[in-house]
Protein backbone atom coordinates (compact mmCIF):
# COMPACT_ATOMS: atom_id res chain seq x y z
CA MET A 1 2.80 -2.48 8.98
CA THR A 2 5.57 -0.82 7.85
CA PHE A 3 8.86 0.03 9.70
CA VAL A 4 11.79 2.84 8.62
CA TYR A 5 15.03 2.57 10.39
CA LEU A 6 17.65 5.47 10.01
CA TRP A 7 21.21 5.03 11.47
CA LYS A 8 23.80 7.66 11.71
CA ILE A 9 27.40 6.22 11.60
CA ARG A 10 30.83 7.31 12.04
CA SER A 11 32.90 7.58 9.00
CA ARG A 12 35.16 4.41 10.13
CA ASN A 13 32.12 2.59 9.79
CA ILE A 14 31.01 3.29 6.21
CA PRO A 15 32.76 0.21 4.78
CA LEU A 16 30.43 -1.91 7.11
CA ALA A 17 27.52 0.04 5.97
CA LEU A 18 28.46 -0.94 2.32
CA LEU A 19 28.63 -4.55 3.21
CA HIS A 20 25.30 -4.24 5.11
CA MET A 21 23.92 -2.89 1.45
CA ALA A 22 25.23 -5.86 -0.01
CA ILE A 23 24.22 -8.77 2.36
CA ASP A 24 21.16 -7.58 4.16
CA ARG A 25 18.85 -8.62 1.41
CA PHE A 26 19.81 -12.40 2.21
CA LEU A 27 19.43 -12.05 5.89
CA LEU A 28 16.04 -10.25 5.88
CA SER A 29 14.51 -12.52 3.54
CA ARG A 30 14.65 -15.18 6.31
CA ILE A 31 12.80 -13.17 9.04
CA PRO A 32 9.23 -14.78 9.58
CA GLY A 33 6.62 -12.35 8.56
CA VAL A 34 8.65 -9.94 6.56
CA THR A 35 7.06 -9.29 3.22
CA PHE A 36 9.26 -6.55 1.93
CA PHE A 37 12.12 -4.90 2.60
CA LYS A 38 14.92 -2.37 1.02
CA SER A 39 18.23 -1.35 2.19
CA ILE A 40 18.69 2.47 1.54
CA GLY A 41 21.10 5.15 1.57
CA THR A 42 20.16 8.60 2.05
CA GLY A 43 21.01 12.23 0.95
CA THR A 44 19.97 15.56 0.99
CA GLY A 45 17.34 15.29 -1.80
CA GLU A 46 18.25 18.29 -3.50
CA LYS A 47 19.83 17.20 -6.65
CA PHE A 48 19.36 13.37 -6.82
CA THR A 49 22.90 13.10 -7.94
CA PRO A 50 25.76 11.18 -6.41
CA SER A 51 26.89 14.53 -4.85
CA ASP A 52 23.88 14.58 -2.67
CA ALA A 53 24.76 11.41 -0.76
CA ASN A 54 25.01 11.43 2.86
CA PRO A 55 27.40 8.55 3.54
CA HIS A 56 26.92 8.84 7.55
CA VAL A 57 23.04 7.99 7.23
CA TRP A 58 21.80 4.62 6.03
CA GLY A 59 18.63 2.81 6.69
CA LEU A 60 16.01 0.03 6.02
CA ILE A 61 12.30 0.02 5.16
CA VAL A 62 10.69 -2.89 6.33
CA VAL A 63 7.17 -4.10 5.71
CA THR A 64 5.67 -7.02 8.04
CA ASP A 65 2.37 -8.93 7.99
CA ASP A 66 1.47 -7.88 11.41
CA ALA A 67 2.78 -5.33 14.02
CA GLU A 68 3.62 -8.44 16.33
CA ASP A 69 6.35 -9.65 13.51
CA ILE A 70 8.36 -6.69 14.94
CA ALA A 71 9.78 -9.12 17.58
CA SER A 72 11.76 -11.21 15.14
CA LEU A 73 12.72 -8.18 13.16
CA GLU A 74 14.23 -6.31 16.34
CA LYS A 75 16.05 -9.51 17.16
CA SER A 76 17.68 -9.89 13.75
CA PHE A 77 21.25 -9.72 12.84
CA PRO A 78 20.99 -6.77 10.42
CA ILE A 79 19.13 -4.55 13.38
CA ARG A 80 21.26 -5.43 15.89
CA SER A 81 24.69 -4.91 13.88
CA TRP A 82 23.48 -1.59 12.82
CA ARG A 83 22.66 -0.46 16.42
CA ARG A 84 25.98 -1.53 17.66
CA ASN A 85 27.69 0.38 15.13
CA SER A 86 25.88 3.45 14.87
CA ILE A 87 25.72 6.72 16.76
CA SER A 88 21.95 7.25 16.67
CA GLU A 89 18.88 5.68 15.49
CA LEU A 90 15.49 7.04 14.19
CA LYS A 91 12.67 4.48 13.86
CA LEU A 92 9.36 5.27 12.39
CA VAL A 93 6.24 3.02 12.57
CA LEU A 94 3.95 3.66 9.68
CA SER A 95 0.35 2.42 8.94
CA PRO A 96 -0.48 2.97 4.96
CA ILE A 97 -3.03 5.39 3.93
CA SER A 98 -2.68 4.83 0.02
CA SER A 99 -0.17 3.57 -2.32
CA HIS A 100 0.19 3.80 -5.96
CA GLY A 101 2.69 2.17 -8.20
CA LYS A 102 5.42 -0.48 -7.99
CA TRP A 103 8.68 -1.04 -6.17
CA ALA A 104 10.87 -3.68 -7.76
CA GLY A 105 7.74 -4.86 -9.50
CA LYS A 106 5.84 -5.29 -6.16
CA ASP A 107 2.81 -3.28 -4.56
CA PRO A 108 4.55 -3.52 -1.04
CA PHE A 109 2.28 -1.03 1.15
CA LYS A 110 -1.07 -2.63 0.94
CA VAL A 111 -3.76 -0.85 2.99
CA VAL A 112 -5.33 -3.16 5.44
CA GLU A 113 -6.68 -0.77 8.14
CA LYS A 114 -6.69 2.91 7.91
CA ILE A 115 -5.19 4.12 11.19
CA GLN A 116 -5.49 7.83 12.05
CA GLY A 117 -2.50 10.14 13.06
CA LYS A 118 -1.93 13.66 13.01
CA GLN A 119 1.36 13.63 11.08
CA VAL A 120 1.73 12.00 7.68
CA VAL A 121 4.78 10.49 5.89
CA ALA A 122 5.06 10.30 2.34
CA ILE A 123 7.60 7.81 0.41
CA THR A 124 8.09 8.46 -3.28
CA ARG A 125 10.48 6.11 -5.30
CA ALA A 126 11.35 5.94 -8.94
CA ARG A 127 13.53 3.98 -11.30
CA ILE A 128 14.90 6.35 -13.73
CA LYS A 129 15.63 5.40 -17.26
CA TRP A 130 19.51 5.62 -18.02
CA LYS A 131 18.99 7.72 -21.00
CA MET A 132 16.90 10.21 -19.14
CA ASN A 133 19.26 10.89 -16.03
CA LEU A 134 20.56 14.15 -17.30
CA LEU A 135 17.32 15.47 -18.16
CA PHE A 136 15.77 14.35 -15.05
CA TRP A 137 18.53 16.20 -12.82
CA ARG A 138 18.08 19.36 -14.81
CA SER A 139 14.30 19.31 -13.86
CA VAL A 140 14.85 18.34 -9.89
CA PRO A 141 16.08 21.90 -8.47
CA ALA A 142 12.70 23.67 -8.97
CA VAL A 143 10.71 20.86 -7.24
CA THR A 144 13.19 20.31 -4.35
CA ASP A 145 13.32 24.06 -3.54
CA SER A 146 9.57 23.99 -3.46
CA LEU A 147 9.51 20.95 -1.13
CA HIS A 148 11.99 22.19 1.24
CA ASN A 149 10.19 25.48 1.81
CA GLN A 150 6.53 24.06 1.68
CA PRO A 151 4.34 24.97 4.74
CA GLY A 152 3.66 21.99 6.94
CA LEU A 153 6.94 20.01 5.85
CA ILE A 154 8.51 18.90 9.15
CA ARG A 155 11.70 17.14 7.45
CA ALA A 156 12.48 15.30 4.07
CA ILE A 157 15.74 13.39 3.06
CA GLY A 158 16.61 11.88 -0.32
CA ILE A 159 16.75 7.84 -0.29
CA GLY A 160 17.81 5.38 -2.84
CA GLU A 161 19.10 1.79 -3.17
CA ALA A 162 22.15 3.00 -5.31
CA PRO A 163 23.59 6.28 -6.07
CA ILE A 164 22.36 6.79 -9.56
CA GLY A 165 18.88 5.57 -11.27
CA LEU A 166 17.07 4.48 -8.18
CA GLN A 167 15.72 7.45 -6.22
CA GLY A 168 13.12 8.66 -3.75
CA THR A 169 12.40 11.02 -1.04
CA LEU A 170 10.97 10.38 2.36
CA SER A 171 9.07 13.18 4.09
CA ILE A 172 7.23 14.18 7.18
CA TRP A 173 4.36 16.52 7.23
CA SER A 174 2.36 18.08 9.94
CA ASP A 175 -0.95 16.87 8.62
CA GLU A 176 -2.27 15.50 5.25
CA GLN A 177 -3.45 18.59 4.23
CA ALA A 178 -0.10 20.08 4.05
CA LEU A 179 1.04 17.01 2.15
CA ARG A 180 -1.75 17.55 -0.47
CA ALA A 181 -1.28 21.13 -1.00
CA PHE A 182 2.15 20.46 -2.33
CA ALA A 183 1.30 17.30 -3.97
CA TYR A 184 -1.65 18.65 -5.93
CA LYS A 185 -1.38 22.56 -5.60
CA GLY A 186 2.30 23.30 -5.85
CA GLU A 187 3.10 25.05 -9.06
CA ALA A 188 6.60 23.34 -9.28
CA HIS A 189 5.46 19.83 -8.16
CA THR A 190 2.49 20.21 -10.83
CA ALA A 191 4.87 21.29 -13.65
CA ALA A 192 6.99 17.95 -12.66
CA ILE A 193 4.17 15.76 -12.77
CA ALA A 194 3.32 17.26 -16.32
CA ALA A 195 6.93 16.75 -17.43
CA THR A 196 7.13 13.28 -16.26
CA GLU A 197 4.31 12.45 -18.39
CA LYS A 198 5.68 14.28 -21.40
CA HIS A 199 9.37 12.69 -21.11
CA ARG A 200 8.59 9.34 -19.37
CA TRP A 201 11.54 9.72 -17.18
CA TYR A 202 10.60 6.47 -15.14
CA SER A 203 10.35 2.88 -16.07
CA GLU A 204 8.66 2.40 -12.78
CA GLU A 205 7.46 4.62 -9.86
CA LEU A 206 5.70 4.71 -6.44
CA PHE A 207 3.90 7.23 -4.36
CA ALA A 208 2.88 6.15 -0.89
CA ARG A 209 1.22 7.90 1.98
CA PHE A 210 1.30 6.66 5.47
CA ALA A 211 -0.10 7.66 9.04
CA LEU A 212 2.94 8.05 11.61
CA VAL A 213 2.05 5.69 14.37
CA SER A 214 5.09 6.19 16.42
CA GLU A 215 8.64 7.77 16.14
CA GLN A 216 11.38 6.83 18.41
CA GLY A 217 14.79 8.56 18.56
CA SER A 218 16.51 10.81 15.97
CA ILE A 219 19.43 11.37 13.91
């Protein structure tokens, strides 16, 4: 099972958020049942440059062996500290439908059992080659404009482990058909796929789809 946490914080807690980004990895690695985790910053997802960053919304993506492992995760120091210092929280519980590619050399979202759900979540993540950043940034606007205007999109944000070079998106869709229409039929996205194959922007990339099992809270 995959859990996505997003927290909105006050400006005075931004230094604490940066501290969490540095130390949470060591604390989460000790939690029983946790097989993968990433601390993330967020942004508008419009340009994928540092100017996109939203210093008031931060998050975690955590994968566990079993849904029952959530009890240990919820009691952990990182989760309790984020909640204590945040204004609001959004928690998504996801079940993988498909996953292609690697994240930090791992295949984190393994499909064990396909759970049906009306709404679908997509997570994309890429490690951009340093020499390709400028070319990538020039090509992004057409795709992001298409994404944000796509029928069936409920919401989308940019996510990343660093301001530059490690970029991705998290998007929620009304159903799988809407996501497929954007991914496989959208002109801008199709052009971006062709450009990716031509320029080889990425040293690593991942695209995963999930059934949205539950959604709690908001930011």
